[in-house]
């Protein structure tokens, strides 16, 4: 009976580590991508000549560097602020499928550059 408990405990520990090994990388990519979006929005806010299309292209390129596939419908670019203090809000909406041995799940992420203003 004791050996069975040890075996079941060992299997549970292995399952938890395997699940973490599958889930943590997309979470970390999303965290890094969120930081990228904040940098893109900050740079776009300081450069009024940059068009929304240019910003969207930058977001999609950064996403590809992080292993995330985005299209233009998944990216939001909004100009906020006043003419004297321009700002840009950037957001993305995407999902990442995660396949586990007994089931699969989809992680849904909505990273953004921060507040949209008032």
PDB file of N, CA and C in Angstrom:
ATOM      1  N   UNK A   1       0.818  -1.194   0.000  1.00  0.00           N
ATOM      2  CA  UNK A   1       0.000   0.000   0.000  1.00  0.00           C
ATOM      3  C   UNK A   1       0.861   1.258   0.000  1.00  0.00           C
ATOM      4  N   UNK A   2       1.958   1.247   0.731  1.00  0.00           N
ATOM      5  CA  UNK A   2       2.839   2.403   0.806  1.00  0.00           C
ATOM      6  C   UNK A   2       3.532   2.671  -0.521  1.00  0.00           C
ATOM      7  N   UNK A   3       3.912   1.595  -1.229  1.00  0.00           N
ATOM      8  CA  UNK A   3       4.576   1.767  -2.520  1.00  0.00           C
ATOM      9  C   UNK A   3       3.621   2.366  -3.551  1.00  0.00           C
ATOM     10  N   UNK A   4       2.343   2.006  -3.465  1.00  0.00           N
ATOM     11  CA  UNK A   4       1.342   2.556  -4.385  1.00  0.00           C
ATOM     12  C   UNK A   4       1.159   4.054  -4.151  1.00  0.00           C
ATOM     13  N   UNK A   5       1.139   4.468  -2.890  1.00  0.00           N
ATOM     14  CA  UNK A   5       1.024   5.894  -2.574  1.00  0.00           C
ATOM     15  C   UNK A   5       2.224   6.672  -3.099  1.00  0.00           C
ATOM     16  N   UNK A   6       3.394   6.119  -2.942  1.00  0.00           N
ATOM     17  CA  UNK A   6       4.602   6.783  -3.440  1.00  0.00           C
ATOM     18  C   UNK A   6       4.547   6.897  -4.953  1.00  0.00           C
ATOM     19  N   UNK A   7       4.127   5.832  -5.632  1.00  0.00           N
ATOM     20  CA  UNK A   7       4.021   5.850  -7.086  1.00  0.00           C
ATOM     21  C   UNK A   7       2.997   6.888  -7.556  1.00  0.00           C
ATOM     22  N   UNK A   8       1.837   6.949  -6.902  1.00  0.00           N
ATOM     23  CA  UNK A   8       0.812   7.922  -7.271  1.00  0.00           C
ATOM     24  C   UNK A   8       1.322   9.337  -7.006  1.00  0.00           C
ATOM     25  N   UNK A   9       1.988   9.531  -5.883  1.00  0.00           N
ATOM     26  CA  UNK A   9       2.559  10.848  -5.576  1.00  0.00           C
ATOM     27  C   UNK A   9       3.589  11.256  -6.610  1.00  0.00           C
ATOM     28  N   UNK A  10       4.417  10.320  -7.033  1.00  0.00           N
ATOM     29  CA  UNK A  10       5.433  10.587  -8.043  1.00  0.00           C
ATOM     30  C   UNK A  10       4.785  10.973  -9.373  1.00  0.00           C
ATOM     31  N   UNK A  11       3.742  10.267  -9.771  1.00  0.00           N
ATOM     32  CA  UNK A  11       3.038  10.564 -11.012  1.00  0.00           C
ATOM     33  C   UNK A  11       2.391  11.954 -10.942  1.00  0.00           C
ATOM     34  N   UNK A  12       1.827  12.303  -9.801  1.00  0.00           N
ATOM     35  CA  UNK A  12       1.205  13.622  -9.642  1.00  0.00           C
ATOM     36  C   UNK A  12       2.258  14.724  -9.750  1.00  0.00           C
ATOM     37  N   UNK A  13       3.408  14.547  -9.122  1.00  0.00           N
ATOM     38  CA  UNK A  13       4.474  15.541  -9.189  1.00  0.00           C
ATOM     39  C   UNK A  13       4.961  15.703 -10.627  1.00  0.00           C
ATOM     40  N   UNK A  14       5.144  14.607 -11.332  1.00  0.00           N
ATOM     41  CA  UNK A  14       5.566  14.657 -12.741  1.00  0.00           C
ATOM     42  C   UNK A  14       4.508  15.378 -13.573  1.00  0.00           C
ATOM     43  N   UNK A  15       3.228  15.111 -13.333  1.00  0.00           N
ATOM     44  CA  UNK A  15       2.149  15.763 -14.089  1.00  0.00           C
ATOM     45  C   UNK A  15       2.137  17.270 -13.844  1.00  0.00           C
ATOM     46  N   UNK A  16       2.368  17.692 -12.609  1.00  0.00           N
ATOM     47  CA  UNK A  16       2.396  19.119 -12.299  1.00  0.00           C
ATOM     48  C   UNK A  16       3.569  19.791 -13.001  1.00  0.00           C
ATOM     49  N   UNK A  17       4.731  19.174 -12.958  1.00  0.00           N
ATOM     50  CA  UNK A  17       5.887  19.749 -13.641  1.00  0.00           C
ATOM     51  C   UNK A  17       5.683  19.798 -15.150  1.00  0.00           C
ATOM     52  N   UNK A  18       5.096  18.760 -15.732  1.00  0.00           N
ATOM     53  CA  UNK A  18       4.833  18.755 -17.166  1.00  0.00           C
ATOM     54  C   UNK A  18       3.847  19.862 -17.541  1.00  0.00           C
ATOM     55  N   UNK A  19       2.781  20.010 -16.749  1.00  0.00           N
ATOM     56  CA  UNK A  19       1.807  21.069 -17.005  1.00  0.00           C
ATOM     57  C   UNK A  19       2.446  22.447 -16.915  1.00  0.00           C
ATOM     58  N   UNK A  20       3.284  22.652 -15.911  1.00  0.00           N
ATOM     59  CA  UNK A  20       3.978  23.938 -15.775  1.00  0.00           C
ATOM     60  C   UNK A  20       4.923  24.170 -16.955  1.00  0.00           C
ATOM     61  N   UNK A  21       5.577  23.113 -17.403  1.00  0.00           N
ATOM     62  CA  UNK A  21       6.496  23.213 -18.535  1.00  0.00           C
ATOM     63  C   UNK A  21       5.764  23.619 -19.810  1.00  0.00           C
ATOM     64  N   UNK A  22       4.484  23.262 -19.924  1.00  0.00           N
ATOM     65  CA  UNK A  22       3.694  23.606 -21.101  1.00  0.00           C
ATOM     66  C   UNK A  22       3.034  24.978 -20.984  1.00  0.00           C
ATOM     67  N   UNK A  23       2.692  25.408 -19.773  1.00  0.00           N
ATOM     68  CA  UNK A  23       1.934  26.639 -19.574  1.00  0.00           C
ATOM     69  C   UNK A  23       2.822  27.855 -19.338  1.00  0.00           C
ATOM     70  N   UNK A  24       3.942  27.693 -18.661  1.00  0.00           N
ATOM     71  CA  UNK A  24       4.781  28.845 -18.301  1.00  0.00           C
ATOM     72  C   UNK A  24       5.367  29.570 -19.516  1.00  0.00           C
ATOM     73  N   UNK A  25       5.881  28.907 -20.549  1.00  0.00           N
ATOM     74  CA  UNK A  25       6.441  29.656 -21.691  1.00  0.00           C
ATOM     75  C   UNK A  25       5.462  30.620 -22.367  1.00  0.00           C
ATOM     76  N   UNK A  26       4.202  30.235 -22.662  1.00  0.00           N
ATOM     77  CA  UNK A  26       3.287  31.231 -23.235  1.00  0.00           C
ATOM     78  C   UNK A  26       3.007  32.389 -22.277  1.00  0.00           C
ATOM     79  N   UNK A  27       2.953  32.103 -20.989  1.00  0.00           N
ATOM     80  CA  UNK A  27       2.735  33.177 -20.006  1.00  0.00           C
ATOM     81  C   UNK A  27       3.913  34.152 -20.004  1.00  0.00           C
ATOM     82  N   UNK A  28       5.118  33.638 -20.060  1.00  0.00           N
ATOM     83  CA  UNK A  28       6.302  34.496 -20.073  1.00  0.00           C
ATOM     84  C   UNK A  28       6.394  35.289 -21.379  1.00  0.00           C
ATOM     85  N   UNK A  29       6.050  34.654 -22.500  1.00  0.00           N
ATOM     86  CA  UNK A  29       6.014  35.374 -23.782  1.00  0.00           C
ATOM     87  C   UNK A  29       5.013  36.517 -23.733  1.00  0.00           C
ATOM     88  N   UNK A  30       3.859  36.283 -23.121  1.00  0.00           N
ATOM     89  CA  UNK A  30       2.856  37.335 -23.005  1.00  0.00           C
ATOM     90  C   UNK A  30       3.371  38.474 -22.133  1.00  0.00           C
ATOM     91  N   UNK A  31       4.038  38.150 -21.052  1.00  0.00           N
ATOM     92  CA  UNK A  31       4.598  39.177 -20.169  1.00  0.00           C
ATOM     93  C   UNK A  31       5.610  40.038 -20.926  1.00  0.00           C
ATOM     94  N   UNK A  32       6.490  39.411 -21.692  1.00  0.00           N
ATOM     95  CA  UNK A  32       7.482  40.147 -22.478  1.00  0.00           C
ATOM     96  C   UNK A  32       6.824  40.956 -23.593  1.00  0.00           C
ATOM     97  N   UNK A  33       5.800  40.390 -24.212  1.00  0.00           N
ATOM     98  CA  UNK A  33       5.090  41.090 -25.278  1.00  0.00           C
ATOM     99  C   UNK A  33       4.367  42.317 -24.729  1.00  0.00           C
ATOM    100  N   UNK A  34       3.841  42.218 -23.520  1.00  0.00           N
ATOM    101  CA  UNK A  34       3.194  43.368 -22.884  1.00  0.00           C
ATOM    102  C   UNK A  34       4.206  44.502 -22.716  1.00  0.00           C
ATOM    103  N   UNK A  35       5.412  44.168 -22.301  1.00  0.00           N
ATOM    104  CA  UNK A  35       6.468  45.172 -22.168  1.00  0.00           C
ATOM    105  C   UNK A  35       6.801  45.778 -23.534  1.00  0.00           C
ATOM    106  N   UNK A  36       6.849  44.943 -24.566  1.00  0.00           N
ATOM    107  CA  UNK A  36       7.093  45.443 -25.925  1.00  0.00           C
ATOM    108  C   UNK A  36       6.006  46.422 -26.360  1.00  0.00           C
ATOM    109  N   UNK A  37       4.743  46.113 -26.036  1.00  0.00           N
ATOM    110  CA  UNK A  37       3.640  47.006 -26.414  1.00  0.00           C
ATOM    111  C   UNK A  37       3.773  48.356 -25.721  1.00  0.00           C
ATOM    112  N   UNK A  38       4.192  48.357 -24.472  1.00  0.00           N
ATOM    113  CA  UNK A  38       4.371  49.621 -23.767  1.00  0.00           C
ATOM    114  C   UNK A  38       5.476  50.447 -24.414  1.00  0.00           C
ATOM    115  N   UNK A  39       6.556  49.792 -24.815  1.00  0.00           N
ATOM    116  CA  UNK A  39       7.646  50.505 -25.497  1.00  0.00           C
ATOM    117  C   UNK A  39       7.199  51.048 -26.854  1.00  0.00           C
ATOM    118  N   UNK A  40       6.465  50.253 -27.608  1.00  0.00           N
ATOM    119  CA  UNK A  40       5.976  50.692 -28.918  1.00  0.00           C
ATOM    120  C   UNK A  40       5.053  51.891 -28.749  1.00  0.00           C
ATOM    121  N   UNK A  41       4.149  51.847 -27.773  1.00  0.00           N
ATOM    122  CA  UNK A  41       3.212  52.958 -27.555  1.00  0.00           C
ATOM    123  C   UNK A  41       3.957  54.215 -27.120  1.00  0.00           C
ATOM    124  N   UNK A  42       4.958  54.054 -26.277  1.00  0.00           N
ATOM    125  CA  UNK A  42       5.722  55.217 -25.827  1.00  0.00           C
ATOM    126  C   UNK A  42       6.465  55.857 -26.996  1.00  0.00           C
ATOM    127  N   UNK A  43       7.090  55.051 -27.820  1.00  0.00           N
ATOM    128  CA  UNK A  43       7.822  55.579 -28.971  1.00  0.00           C
ATOM    129  C   UNK A  43       6.863  56.190 -30.000  1.00  0.00           C
ATOM    130  N   UNK A  44       5.714  55.569 -30.210  1.00  0.00           N
ATOM    131  CA  UNK A  44       4.744  56.100 -31.171  1.00  0.00           C
ATOM    132  C   UNK A  44       4.138  57.412 -30.674  1.00  0.00           C
ATOM    133  N   UNK A  45       3.969  57.547 -29.371  1.00  0.00           N
ATOM    134  CA  UNK A  45       3.443  58.783 -28.822  1.00  0.00           C
ATOM    135  C   UNK A  45       4.397  59.942 -28.989  1.00  0.00           C
ATOM    136  N   UNK A  46       5.685  59.634 -29.000  1.00  0.00           N
ATOM    137  CA  UNK A  46       6.666  60.713 -29.159  1.00  0.00           C
ATOM    138  C   UNK A  46       6.986  61.008 -30.623  1.00  0.00           C
ATOM    139  N   UNK A  47       6.444  60.206 -31.535  1.00  0.00           N
ATOM    140  CA  UNK A  47       6.687  60.405 -32.961  1.00  0.00           C
ATOM    141  C   UNK A  47       5.341  60.562 -33.677  1.00  0.00           C
ATOM    142  N   UNK A  48       4.830  61.789 -33.801  1.00  0.00           N
ATOM    143  CA  UNK A  48       3.499  61.980 -34.405  1.00  0.00           C
ATOM    144  C   UNK A  48       3.447  61.636 -35.891  1.00  0.00           C
ATOM    145  N   UNK A  49       4.584  61.494 -36.526  1.00  0.00           N
ATOM    146  CA  UNK A  49       4.590  61.154 -37.962  1.00  0.00           C
ATOM    147  C   UNK A  49       4.339  59.680 -38.214  1.00  0.00           C
ATOM    148  N   UNK A  50       4.445  58.866 -37.178  1.00  0.00           N
ATOM    149  CA  UNK A  50       4.227  57.432 -37.332  1.00  0.00           C
ATOM    150  C   UNK A  50       2.726  57.169 -37.454  1.00  0.00           C
ATOM    151  N   UNK A  51       2.335  56.488 -38.522  1.00  0.00           N
ATOM    152  CA  UNK A  51       0.918  56.219 -38.771  1.00  0.00           C
ATOM    153  C   UNK A  51       0.458  55.009 -37.955  1.00  0.00           C
ATOM    154  N   UNK A  52      -0.852  54.872 -37.869  1.00  0.00           N
ATOM    155  CA  UNK A  52      -1.411  53.711 -37.174  1.00  0.00           C
ATOM    156  C   UNK A  52      -0.983  52.413 -37.853  1.00  0.00           C
ATOM    157  N   UNK A  53      -0.880  52.439 -39.159  1.00  0.00           N
ATOM    158  CA  UNK A  53      -0.432  51.263 -39.904  1.00  0.00           C
ATOM    159  C   UNK A  53       1.010  50.899 -39.553  1.00  0.00           C
ATOM    160  N   UNK A  54       1.861  51.912 -39.405  1.00  0.00           N
ATOM    161  CA  UNK A  54       3.252  51.660 -39.005  1.00  0.00           C
ATOM    162  C   UNK A  54       3.308  51.041 -37.617  1.00  0.00           C
ATOM    163  N   UNK A  55       2.485  51.549 -36.705  1.00  0.00           N
ATOM    164  CA  UNK A  55       2.454  51.019 -35.340  1.00  0.00           C
ATOM    165  C   UNK A  55       1.971  49.579 -35.356  1.00  0.00           C
ATOM    166  N   UNK A  56       0.931  49.307 -36.133  1.00  0.00           N
ATOM    167  CA  UNK A  56       0.394  47.959 -36.226  1.00  0.00           C
ATOM    168  C   UNK A  56       1.437  46.986 -36.779  1.00  0.00           C
ATOM    169  N   UNK A  57       2.188  47.435 -37.771  1.00  0.00           N
ATOM    170  CA  UNK A  57       3.252  46.602 -38.332  1.00  0.00           C
ATOM    171  C   UNK A  57       4.323  46.314 -37.285  1.00  0.00           C
ATOM    172  N   UNK A  58       4.653  47.295 -36.464  1.00  0.00           N
ATOM    173  CA  UNK A  58       5.634  47.102 -35.392  1.00  0.00           C
ATOM    174  C   UNK A  58       5.133  46.093 -34.365  1.00  0.00           C
ATOM    175  N   UNK A  59       3.859  46.187 -34.021  1.00  0.00           N
ATOM    176  CA  UNK A  59       3.280  45.263 -33.046  1.00  0.00           C
ATOM    177  C   UNK A  59       3.304  43.837 -33.585  1.00  0.00           C
ATOM    178  N   UNK A  60       2.910  43.659 -34.825  1.00  0.00           N
ATOM    179  CA  UNK A  60       2.879  42.324 -35.425  1.00  0.00           C
ATOM    180  C   UNK A  60       4.295  41.755 -35.520  1.00  0.00           C
ATOM    181  N   UNK A  61       5.280  42.596 -35.854  1.00  0.00           N
ATOM    182  CA  UNK A  61       6.669  42.132 -35.932  1.00  0.00           C
ATOM    183  C   UNK A  61       7.185  41.713 -34.559  1.00  0.00           C
ATOM    184  N   UNK A  62       6.891  42.485 -33.525  1.00  0.00           N
ATOM    185  CA  UNK A  62       7.310  42.125 -32.161  1.00  0.00           C
ATOM    186  C   UNK A  62       6.643  40.835 -31.715  1.00  0.00           C
ATOM    187  N   UNK A  63       5.379  40.668 -32.081  1.00  0.00           N
ATOM    188  CA  UNK A  63       4.667  39.442 -31.724  1.00  0.00           C
ATOM    189  C   UNK A  63       5.329  38.229 -32.372  1.00  0.00           C
ATOM    190  N   UNK A  64       5.715  38.362 -33.623  1.00  0.00           N
ATOM    191  CA  UNK A  64       6.382  37.254 -34.304  1.00  0.00           C
ATOM    192  C   UNK A  64       7.711  36.923 -33.645  1.00  0.00           C
ATOM    193  N   UNK A  65       8.421  37.936 -33.163  1.00  0.00           N
ATOM    194  CA  UNK A  65       9.676  37.689 -32.449  1.00  0.00           C
ATOM    195  C   UNK A  65       9.431  36.895 -31.170  1.00  0.00           C
ATOM    196  N   UNK A  66       8.265  37.062 -30.570  1.00  0.00           N
ATOM    197  CA  UNK A  66       7.908  36.352 -29.335  1.00  0.00           C
ATOM    198  C   UNK A  66       7.220  35.022 -29.613  1.00  0.00           C
ATOM    199  N   UNK A  67       7.053  34.671 -30.879  1.00  0.00           N
ATOM    200  CA  UNK A  67       6.416  33.402 -31.221  1.00  0.00           C
ATOM    201  C   UNK A  67       4.898  33.458 -31.235  1.00  0.00           C
ATOM    202  N   UNK A  68       4.350  34.662 -31.343  1.00  0.00           N
ATOM    203  CA  UNK A  68       2.900  34.855 -31.359  1.00  0.00           C
ATOM    204  C   UNK A  68       2.493  35.274 -32.767  1.00  0.00           C
ATOM    205  N   UNK A  69       1.500  34.609 -33.313  1.00  0.00           N
ATOM    206  CA  UNK A  69       1.011  34.948 -34.638  1.00  0.00           C
ATOM    207  C   UNK A  69      -0.201  35.859 -34.495  1.00  0.00           C
ATOM    208  N   UNK A  70      -0.082  37.067 -35.032  1.00  0.00           N
ATOM    209  CA  UNK A  70      -1.172  38.045 -34.990  1.00  0.00           C
ATOM    210  C   UNK A  70      -1.506  38.504 -36.400  1.00  0.00           C
ATOM    211  N   UNK A  71      -2.760  38.880 -36.590  1.00  0.00           N
ATOM    212  CA  UNK A  71      -3.128  39.565 -37.823  1.00  0.00           C
ATOM    213  C   UNK A  71      -3.672  40.945 -37.445  1.00  0.00           C
ATOM    214  N   UNK A  72      -3.978  41.751 -38.431  1.00  0.00           N
ATOM    215  CA  UNK A  72      -4.362  43.135 -38.181  1.00  0.00           C
ATOM    216  C   UNK A  72      -5.668  43.281 -37.409  1.00  0.00           C
ATOM    217  N   UNK A  73      -6.549  42.296 -37.502  1.00  0.00           N
ATOM    218  CA  UNK A  73      -7.814  42.389 -36.770  1.00  0.00           C
ATOM    219  C   UNK A  73      -7.626  42.146 -35.278  1.00  0.00           C
ATOM    220  N   UNK A  74      -6.502  41.592 -34.877  1.00  0.00           N
ATOM    221  CA  UNK A  74      -6.242  41.306 -33.468  1.00  0.00           C
ATOM    222  C   UNK A  74      -5.478  42.423 -32.770  1.00  0.00           C
ATOM    223  N   UNK A  75      -5.133  43.476 -33.497  1.00  0.00           N
ATOM    224  CA  UNK A  75      -4.354  44.580 -32.941  1.00  0.00           C
ATOM    225  C   UNK A  75      -5.213  45.839 -32.931  1.00  0.00           C
ATOM    226  N   UNK A  76      -5.189  46.552 -31.809  1.00  0.00           N
ATOM    227  CA  UNK A  76      -5.916  47.811 -31.661  1.00  0.00           C
ATOM    228  C   UNK A  76      -4.912  48.937 -31.458  1.00  0.00           C
ATOM    229  N   UNK A  77      -5.052  49.999 -32.240  1.00  0.00           N
ATOM    230  CA  UNK A  77      -4.214  51.192 -32.096  1.00  0.00           C
ATOM    231  C   UNK A  77      -5.154  52.381 -31.979  1.00  0.00           C
ATOM    232  N   UNK A  78      -5.005  53.144 -30.898  1.00  0.00           N
ATOM    233  CA  UNK A  78      -5.838  54.335 -30.688  1.00  0.00           C
ATOM    234  C   UNK A  78      -4.950  55.508 -30.320  1.00  0.00           C
ATOM    235  N   UNK A  79      -5.227  56.635 -30.925  1.00  0.00           N
ATOM    236  CA  UNK A  79      -4.545  57.887 -30.569  1.00  0.00           C
ATOM    237  C   UNK A  79      -5.333  58.525 -29.434  1.00  0.00           C
ATOM    238  N   UNK A  80      -4.646  58.812 -28.345  1.00  0.00           N
ATOM    239  CA  UNK A  80      -5.295  59.436 -27.191  1.00  0.00           C
ATOM    240  C   UNK A  80      -4.467  60.637 -26.763  1.00  0.00           C
ATOM    241  N   UNK A  81      -4.995  61.420 -25.873  1.00  0.00           N
ATOM    242  CA  UNK A  81      -4.259  62.576 -25.395  1.00  0.00           C
ATOM    243  C   UNK A  81      -4.654  63.825 -26.152  1.00  0.00           C
ATOM    244  N   UNK A  82      -3.922  64.869 -25.894  1.00  0.00           N
ATOM    245  CA  UNK A  82      -4.183  66.157 -26.524  1.00  0.00           C
ATOM    246  C   UNK A  82      -3.089  66.437 -27.544  1.00  0.00           C
ATOM    247  N   UNK A  83      -3.289  67.419 -28.432  1.00  0.00           N
ATOM    248  CA  UNK A  83      -2.248  67.735 -29.407  1.00  0.00           C
ATOM    249  C   UNK A  83      -0.908  68.116 -28.766  1.00  0.00           C
ATOM    250  N   UNK A  84      -0.939  68.730 -27.607  1.00  0.00           N
ATOM    251  CA  UNK A  84       0.305  69.096 -26.934  1.00  0.00           C
ATOM    252  C   UNK A  84       0.954  67.935 -26.210  1.00  0.00           C
ATOM    253  N   UNK A  85       0.157  66.935 -25.876  1.00  0.00           N
ATOM    254  CA  UNK A  85       0.664  65.756 -25.167  1.00  0.00           C
ATOM    255  C   UNK A  85       0.085  64.497 -25.813  1.00  0.00           C
ATOM    256  N   UNK A  86       0.558  64.156 -27.017  1.00  0.00           N
ATOM    257  CA  UNK A  86      -0.017  62.993 -27.703  1.00  0.00           C
ATOM    258  C   UNK A  86       0.387  61.689 -27.017  1.00  0.00           C
ATOM    259  N   UNK A  87      -0.475  60.719 -27.148  1.00  0.00           N
ATOM    260  CA  UNK A  87      -0.207  59.390 -26.610  1.00  0.00           C
ATOM    261  C   UNK A  87      -0.878  58.367 -27.516  1.00  0.00           C
ATOM    262  N   UNK A  88      -0.401  57.149 -27.432  1.00  0.00           N
ATOM    263  CA  UNK A  88      -0.942  56.065 -28.249  1.00  0.00           C
ATOM    264  C   UNK A  88      -1.247  54.885 -27.336  1.00  0.00           C
ATOM    265  N   UNK A  89      -2.410  54.296 -27.535  1.00  0.00           N
ATOM    266  CA  UNK A  89      -2.812  53.080 -26.828  1.00  0.00           C
ATOM    267  C   UNK A  89      -2.726  51.935 -27.821  1.00  0.00           C
ATOM    268  N   UNK A  90      -2.047  50.861 -27.424  1.00  0.00           N
ATOM    269  CA  UNK A  90      -1.875  49.696 -28.291  1.00  0.00           C
ATOM    270  C   UNK A  90      -2.309  48.458 -27.507  1.00  0.00           C
ATOM    271  N   UNK A  91      -3.079  47.591 -28.146  1.00  0.00           N
ATOM    272  CA  UNK A  91      -3.531  46.360 -27.507  1.00  0.00           C
ATOM    273  C   UNK A  91      -3.560  45.233 -28.531  1.00  0.00           C
ATOM    274  N   UNK A  92      -3.488  44.023 -28.028  1.00  0.00           N
ATOM    275  CA  UNK A  92      -3.586  42.841 -28.878  1.00  0.00           C
ATOM    276  C   UNK A  92      -4.508  41.837 -28.188  1.00  0.00           C
ATOM    277  N   UNK A  93      -5.079  40.958 -28.956  1.00  0.00           N
ATOM    278  CA  UNK A  93      -5.981  39.940 -28.433  1.00  0.00           C
ATOM    279  C   UNK A  93      -5.662  38.636 -29.165  1.00  0.00           C
ATOM    280  N   UNK A  94      -5.154  37.657 -28.420  1.00  0.00           N
ATOM    281  CA  UNK A  94      -4.791  36.403 -29.067  1.00  0.00           C
ATOM    282  C   UNK A  94      -4.910  35.239 -28.095  1.00  0.00           C
ATOM    283  N   UNK A  95      -4.917  34.039 -28.641  1.00  0.00           N
ATOM    284  CA  UNK A  95      -5.002  32.816 -27.855  1.00  0.00           C
ATOM    285  C   UNK A  95      -3.889  31.872 -28.258  1.00  0.00           C
ATOM    286  N   UNK A  96      -3.448  31.080 -27.292  1.00  0.00           N
ATOM    287  CA  UNK A  96      -2.401  30.098 -27.536  1.00  0.00           C
ATOM    288  C   UNK A  96      -2.919  28.738 -27.077  1.00  0.00           C
ATOM    289  N   UNK A  97      -2.981  27.750 -27.978  1.00  0.00           N
ATOM    290  CA  UNK A  97      -3.409  26.417 -27.552  1.00  0.00           C
ATOM    291  C   UNK A  97      -2.277  25.700 -26.813  1.00  0.00           C
ATOM    292  N   UNK A  98      -2.643  25.005 -25.755  1.00  0.00           N
ATOM    293  CA  UNK A  98      -1.678  24.231 -24.973  1.00  0.00           C
ATOM    294  C   UNK A  98      -2.170  22.799 -24.941  1.00  0.00           C
ATOM    295  N   UNK A  99      -1.347  21.886 -25.418  1.00  0.00           N
ATOM    296  CA  UNK A  99      -1.715  20.477 -25.439  1.00  0.00           C
ATOM    297  C   UNK A  99      -1.050  19.759 -24.274  1.00  0.00           C
ATOM    298  N   UNK A 100      -1.882  19.212 -23.404  1.00  0.00           N
ATOM    299  CA  UNK A 100      -1.405  18.386 -22.312  1.00  0.00           C
ATOM    300  C   UNK A 100      -1.683  16.933 -22.686  1.00  0.00           C
ATOM    301  N   UNK A 101      -1.173  15.999 -21.946  1.00  0.00           N
ATOM    302  CA  UNK A 101      -1.313  14.588 -22.312  1.00  0.00           C
ATOM    303  C   UNK A 101      -2.772  14.152 -22.303  1.00  0.00           C
ATOM    304  N   UNK A 102      -3.508  14.524 -21.279  1.00  0.00           N
ATOM    305  CA  UNK A 102      -4.885  14.043 -21.167  1.00  0.00           C
ATOM    306  C   UNK A 102      -5.919  15.044 -21.649  1.00  0.00           C
ATOM    307  N   UNK A 103      -5.545  16.293 -21.836  1.00  0.00           N
ATOM    308  CA  UNK A 103      -6.489  17.310 -22.274  1.00  0.00           C
ATOM    309  C   UNK A 103      -5.732  18.435 -22.964  1.00  0.00           C
ATOM    310  N   UNK A 104      -6.461  19.349 -23.529  1.00  0.00           N
ATOM    311  CA  UNK A 104      -5.848  20.539 -24.093  1.00  0.00           C
ATOM    312  C   UNK A 104      -6.652  21.741 -23.619  1.00  0.00           C
ATOM    313  N   UNK A 105      -5.986  22.867 -23.591  1.00  0.00           N
ATOM    314  CA  UNK A 105      -6.658  24.086 -23.179  1.00  0.00           C
ATOM    315  C   UNK A 105      -6.141  25.241 -24.012  1.00  0.00           C
ATOM    316  N   UNK A 106      -6.868  26.327 -23.984  1.00  0.00           N
ATOM    317  CA  UNK A 106      -6.493  27.512 -24.735  1.00  0.00           C
ATOM    318  C   UNK A 106      -6.282  28.658 -23.756  1.00  0.00           C
ATOM    319  N   UNK A 107      -5.098  29.244 -23.798  1.00  0.00           N
ATOM    320  CA  UNK A 107      -4.789  30.399 -22.969  1.00  0.00           C
ATOM    321  C   UNK A 107      -5.108  31.647 -23.775  1.00  0.00           C
ATOM    322  N   UNK A 108      -5.931  32.522 -23.233  1.00  0.00           N
ATOM    323  CA  UNK A 108      -6.345  33.736 -23.923  1.00  0.00           C
ATOM    324  C   UNK A 108      -5.636  34.930 -23.290  1.00  0.00           C
ATOM    325  N   UNK A 109      -4.990  35.752 -24.122  1.00  0.00           N
ATOM    326  CA  UNK A 109      -4.226  36.889 -23.645  1.00  0.00           C
ATOM    327  C   UNK A 109      -4.732  38.177 -24.286  1.00  0.00           C
ATOM    328  N   UNK A 110      -4.720  39.257 -23.515  1.00  0.00           N
ATOM    329  CA  UNK A 110      -5.093  40.580 -24.018  1.00  0.00           C
ATOM    330  C   UNK A 110      -4.092  41.615 -23.495  1.00  0.00           C
ATOM    331  N   UNK A 111      -2.847  41.550 -23.934  1.00  0.00           N
ATOM    332  CA  UNK A 111      -1.873  42.538 -23.475  1.00  0.00           C
ATOM    333  C   UNK A 111      -2.161  43.905 -24.065  1.00  0.00           C
ATOM    334  N   UNK A 112      -1.826  44.958 -23.318  1.00  0.00           N
ATOM    335  CA  UNK A 112      -2.031  46.319 -23.802  1.00  0.00           C
ATOM    336  C   UNK A 112      -0.942  47.221 -23.271  1.00  0.00           C
ATOM    337  N   UNK A 113      -0.906  48.425 -23.802  1.00  0.00           N
ATOM    338  CA  UNK A 113       0.135  49.372 -23.411  1.00  0.00           C
ATOM    339  C   UNK A 113      -0.213  50.113 -22.135  1.00  0.00           C
ATOM    340  N   UNK A 114      -1.382  49.912 -21.594  1.00  0.00           N
ATOM    341  CA  UNK A 114      -1.752  50.569 -20.341  1.00  0.00           C
ATOM    342  C   UNK A 114      -3.090  51.245 -20.444  1.00  0.00           C
ATOM    343  N   UNK A 115      -3.288  52.260 -19.656  1.00  0.00           N
ATOM    344  CA  UNK A 115      -4.562  52.964 -19.612  1.00  0.00           C
ATOM    345  C   UNK A 115      -4.841  53.702 -20.898  1.00  0.00           C
ATOM    346  N   UNK A 116      -6.095  53.794 -21.237  1.00  0.00           N
ATOM    347  CA  UNK A 116      -6.516  54.523 -22.437  1.00  0.00           C
ATOM    348  C   UNK A 116      -6.655  56.007 -22.177  1.00  0.00           C
ATOM    349  N   UNK A 117      -6.449  56.423 -20.997  1.00  0.00           N
ATOM    350  CA  UNK A 117      -6.630  57.834 -20.666  1.00  0.00           C
ATOM    351  C   UNK A 117      -7.969  58.046 -19.995  1.00  0.00           C
ATOM    352  N   UNK A 118      -8.407  59.271 -19.938  1.00  0.00           N
ATOM    353  CA  UNK A 118      -9.661  59.591 -19.236  1.00  0.00           C
ATOM    354  C   UNK A 118     -10.807  59.705 -20.196  1.00  0.00           C
TER     355      UNK A 118
END
